[in-house]
C-alpha atoms as a PDB file:
ATOM      1  CA  UNK A   1     169.257 -27.528 179.292  1.00  0.00           C
ATOM      2  CA  UNK A   2     169.248 -30.214 176.650  1.00  0.00           C
ATOM      3  CA  UNK A   3     167.237 -30.239 173.519  1.00  0.00           C
ATOM      4  CA  UNK A   4     166.111 -33.325 171.810  1.00  0.00           C
ATOM      5  CA  UNK A   5     165.191 -33.494 168.184  1.00  0.00           C
ATOM      6  CA  UNK A   6     162.618 -35.938 167.113  1.00  0.00           C
ATOM      7  CA  UNK A   7     162.502 -37.077 163.535  1.00  0.00           C
ATOM      8  CA  UNK A   8     159.013 -37.931 162.439  1.00  0.00           C
ATOM      9  CA  UNK A   9     158.612 -41.524 161.410  1.00  0.00           C
ATOM     10  CA  UNK A  10     158.072 -42.203 157.744  1.00  0.00           C
ATOM     11  CA  UNK A  11     160.160 -39.349 156.355  1.00  0.00           C
ATOM     12  CA  UNK A  12     163.288 -40.605 154.616  1.00  0.00           C
ATOM     13  CA  UNK A  13     166.510 -38.763 155.269  1.00  0.00           C
ATOM     14  CA  UNK A  14     168.700 -38.468 152.192  1.00  0.00           C
ATOM     15  CA  UNK A  15     171.964 -36.709 151.500  1.00  0.00           C
ATOM     16  CA  UNK A  16     171.776 -33.429 149.601  1.00  0.00           C
ATOM     17  CA  UNK A  17     172.188 -33.820 145.871  1.00  0.00           C
ATOM     18  CA  UNK A  18     174.853 -31.862 144.062  1.00  0.00           C
ATOM     19  CA  UNK A  19     173.650 -29.520 141.366  1.00  0.00           C
ATOM     20  CA  UNK A  20     175.759 -28.733 138.387  1.00  0.00           C
ATOM     21  CA  UNK A  21     176.516 -25.038 137.981  1.00  0.00           C
ATOM     22  CA  UNK A  22     176.476 -23.879 134.360  1.00  0.00           C
ATOM     23  CA  UNK A  23     179.795 -22.382 133.303  1.00  0.00           C
ATOM     24  CA  UNK A  24     180.086 -19.246 131.263  1.00  0.00           C
ATOM     25  CA  UNK A  25     181.722 -19.355 127.873  1.00  0.00           C
ATOM     26  CA  UNK A  26     185.386 -18.417 127.729  1.00  0.00           C
ATOM     27  CA  UNK A  27     185.984 -14.872 126.512  1.00  0.00           C
ATOM     28  CA  UNK A  28     189.261 -15.319 124.680  1.00  0.00           C
ATOM     29  CA  UNK A  29     190.615 -17.637 122.051  1.00  0.00           C
ATOM     30  CA  UNK A  30     191.759 -21.135 123.064  1.00  0.00           C
ATOM     31  CA  UNK A  31     195.243 -20.977 124.571  1.00  0.00           C
ATOM     32  CA  UNK A  32     195.058 -17.232 125.198  1.00  0.00           C
ATOM     33  CA  UNK A  33     196.206 -16.206 128.687  1.00  0.00           C
ATOM     34  CA  UNK A  34     194.278 -13.966 131.034  1.00  0.00           C
ATOM     35  CA  UNK A  35     196.915 -11.240 130.611  1.00  0.00           C
ATOM     36  CA  UNK A  36     196.506 -11.326 126.814  1.00  0.00           C
ATOM     37  CA  UNK A  37     192.714 -11.101 127.071  1.00  0.00           C
ATOM     38  CA  UNK A  38     192.950  -8.210 129.550  1.00  0.00           C
ATOM     39  CA  UNK A  39     195.440  -6.337 127.372  1.00  0.00           C
ATOM     40  CA  UNK A  40     193.234  -6.696 124.283  1.00  0.00           C
ATOM     41  CA  UNK A  41     190.224  -5.357 126.213  1.00  0.00           C
ATOM     42  CA  UNK A  42     192.187  -2.385 127.559  1.00  0.00           C
ATOM     43  CA  UNK A  43     193.567  -1.292 124.201  1.00  0.00           C
ATOM     44  CA  UNK A  44     192.044   1.896 122.890  1.00  0.00           C
ATOM     45  CA  UNK A  45     189.580   1.135 120.132  1.00  0.00           C
ATOM     46  CA  UNK A  46     190.127   2.916 116.870  1.00  0.00           C
ATOM     47  CA  UNK A  47     188.348   6.170 116.152  1.00  0.00           C
ATOM     48  CA  UNK A  48     185.473   5.757 113.686  1.00  0.00           C
ATOM     49  CA  UNK A  49     183.717   8.201 111.396  1.00  0.00           C
ATOM     50  CA  UNK A  50     179.957   8.033 110.919  1.00  0.00           C
ATOM     51  CA  UNK A  51     178.582   8.030 107.374  1.00  0.00           C
ATOM     52  CA  UNK A  52     177.406  11.616 107.918  1.00  0.00           C
ATOM     53  CA  UNK A  53     180.869  12.730 109.097  1.00  0.00           C
ATOM     54  CA  UNK A  54     182.595  10.947 106.201  1.00  0.00           C
ATOM     55  CA  UNK A  55     180.276  12.702 103.749  1.00  0.00           C
ATOM     56  CA  UNK A  56     180.932  16.104 105.379  1.00  0.00           C
ATOM     57  CA  UNK A  57     184.696  15.539 105.288  1.00  0.00           C
ATOM     58  CA  UNK A  58     184.525  14.617 101.616  1.00  0.00           C
ATOM     59  CA  UNK A  59     182.269  17.484 100.503  1.00  0.00           C
ATOM     60  CA  UNK A  60     184.290  20.044 102.464  1.00  0.00           C
ATOM     61  CA  UNK A  61     187.633  18.686 101.326  1.00  0.00           C
ATOM     62  CA  UNK A  62     188.904  17.957 104.835  1.00  0.00           C
ATOM     63  CA  UNK A  63     191.691  15.396 105.046  1.00  0.00           C
ATOM     64  CA  UNK A  64     193.613  14.318 108.135  1.00  0.00           C
ATOM     65  CA  UNK A  65     197.222  13.194 108.354  1.00  0.00           C
ATOM     66  CA  UNK A  66     198.179  10.286 110.601  1.00  0.00           C
ATOM     67  CA  UNK A  67     199.557  12.797 113.095  1.00  0.00           C
ATOM     68  CA  UNK A  68     196.259  14.738 113.122  1.00  0.00           C
ATOM     69  CA  UNK A  69     194.319  11.494 113.637  1.00  0.00           C
ATOM     70  CA  UNK A  70     196.545  10.698 116.626  1.00  0.00           C
ATOM     71  CA  UNK A  71     195.910  14.196 118.008  1.00  0.00           C
ATOM     72  CA  UNK A  72     192.161  13.691 117.516  1.00  0.00           C
ATOM     73  CA  UNK A  73     192.276  10.306 119.242  1.00  0.00           C
ATOM     74  CA  UNK A  74     194.204  11.837 122.173  1.00  0.00           C
ATOM     75  CA  UNK A  75     191.594  14.622 122.431  1.00  0.00           C
ATOM     76  CA  UNK A  76     188.801  12.030 122.557  1.00  0.00           C
ATOM     77  CA  UNK A  77     190.679  10.194 125.310  1.00  0.00           C
ATOM     78  CA  UNK A  78     191.067  13.456 127.288  1.00  0.00           C
ATOM     79  CA  UNK A  79     187.330  14.064 127.018  1.00  0.00           C
ATOM     80  CA  UNK A  80     186.618  10.478 128.126  1.00  0.00           C
ATOM     81  CA  UNK A  81     188.822  10.843 131.222  1.00  0.00           C
ATOM     82  CA  UNK A  82     186.942  14.021 132.193  1.00  0.00           C
ATOM     83  CA  UNK A  83     183.536  12.361 131.733  1.00  0.00           C
ATOM     84  CA  UNK A  84     182.623  13.845 128.350  1.00  0.00           C
ATOM     85  CA  UNK A  85     180.023  12.045 126.278  1.00  0.00           C
ATOM     86  CA  UNK A  86     179.318  14.332 123.307  1.00  0.00           C
ATOM     87  CA  UNK A  87     182.329  16.551 122.727  1.00  0.00           C
ATOM     88  CA  UNK A  88     183.198  19.407 120.399  1.00  0.00           C
ATOM     89  CA  UNK A  89     186.836  19.124 119.347  1.00  0.00           C
ATOM     90  CA  UNK A  90     188.468  22.137 117.724  1.00  0.00           C
ATOM     91  CA  UNK A  91     191.545  21.287 115.650  1.00  0.00           C
ATOM     92  CA  UNK A  92     192.874  24.359 113.907  1.00  0.00           C
ATOM     93  CA  UNK A  93     190.100  25.523 111.578  1.00  0.00           C
ATOM     94  CA  UNK A  94     188.116  22.266 111.808  1.00  0.00           C
ATOM     95  CA  UNK A  95     185.436  21.489 114.380  1.00  0.00           C
ATOM     96  CA  UNK A  96     184.344  17.926 115.049  1.00  0.00           C
ATOM     97  CA  UNK A  97     181.482  16.677 117.178  1.00  0.00           C
ATOM     98  CA  UNK A  98     182.437  13.304 118.630  1.00  0.00           C
ATOM     99  CA  UNK A  99     180.530  10.654 120.545  1.00  0.00           C
ATOM    100  CA  UNK A 100     183.171   9.851 123.147  1.00  0.00           C
ATOM    101  CA  UNK A 101     181.429   6.714 124.391  1.00  0.00           C
ATOM    102  CA  UNK A 102     181.346   5.184 120.889  1.00  0.00           C
ATOM    103  CA  UNK A 103     184.618   6.847 119.801  1.00  0.00           C
ATOM    104  CA  UNK A 104     182.790   8.018 116.674  1.00  0.00           C
ATOM    105  CA  UNK A 105     183.069  11.339 114.864  1.00  0.00           C
ATOM    106  CA  UNK A 106     179.484  12.458 114.269  1.00  0.00           C
ATOM    107  CA  UNK A 107     180.069  15.499 112.096  1.00  0.00           C
ATOM    108  CA  UNK A 108     182.830  17.785 110.845  1.00  0.00           C
ATOM    109  CA  UNK A 109     182.747  21.498 110.023  1.00  0.00           C
ATOM    110  CA  UNK A 110     185.430  23.446 108.184  1.00  0.00           C
ATOM    111  CA  UNK A 111     186.619  26.980 108.928  1.00  0.00           C
ATOM    112  CA  UNK A 112     184.243  28.760 106.536  1.00  0.00           C
ATOM    113  CA  UNK A 113     181.191  26.969 107.915  1.00  0.00           C
ATOM    114  CA  UNK A 114     182.263  27.622 111.521  1.00  0.00           C
ATOM    115  CA  UNK A 115     181.344  31.287 111.417  1.00  0.00           C
ATOM    116  CA  UNK A 116     178.145  32.040 113.324  1.00  0.00           C
ATOM    117  CA  UNK A 117     177.505  28.335 113.893  1.00  0.00           C
ATOM    118  CA  UNK A 118     175.806  27.093 117.066  1.00  0.00           C
ATOM    119  CA  UNK A 119     176.707  23.712 118.545  1.00  0.00           C
ATOM    120  CA  UNK A 120     174.020  22.012 120.589  1.00  0.00           C
ATOM    121  CA  UNK A 121     173.793  18.723 122.460  1.00  0.00           C
ATOM    122  CA  UNK A 122     177.434  18.727 123.535  1.00  0.00           C
ATOM    123  CA  UNK A 123     178.645  18.466 127.111  1.00  0.00           C
ATOM    124  CA  UNK A 124     182.318  19.281 126.669  1.00  0.00           C
ATOM    125  CA  UNK A 125     184.886  20.839 124.357  1.00  0.00           C
ATOM    126  CA  UNK A 126     188.550  20.111 123.679  1.00  0.00           C
ATOM    127  CA  UNK A 127     190.745  22.641 121.905  1.00  0.00           C
ATOM    128  CA  UNK A 128     193.913  21.197 120.392  1.00  0.00           C
END
């Protein structure tokens, strides 16, 4: 069985035209390798303190050493790996509510204020 194709008279046949595909902007700096860009994206962002948390820390006289900040950052990372989003972190006699997704401390409570306190809108807790 053979098929024949008939091309209607009067219709011009032309080759397909190439379209230009818009390119996305480069992510990194000029001369930066893919490995360098990937490494910078994978690095843990620094822990931040909201204005409210900074005020609470100041009024309650809570200060953190570099070692305590590293412990806090590690606790946030533990919560992130387990799927935590809003986490209560207990460090000694200080309680911190942290937005894990934003890596931001939302509020801080000292030992005296912890008594009979209720924490709401958290989905996980880390005790260090």
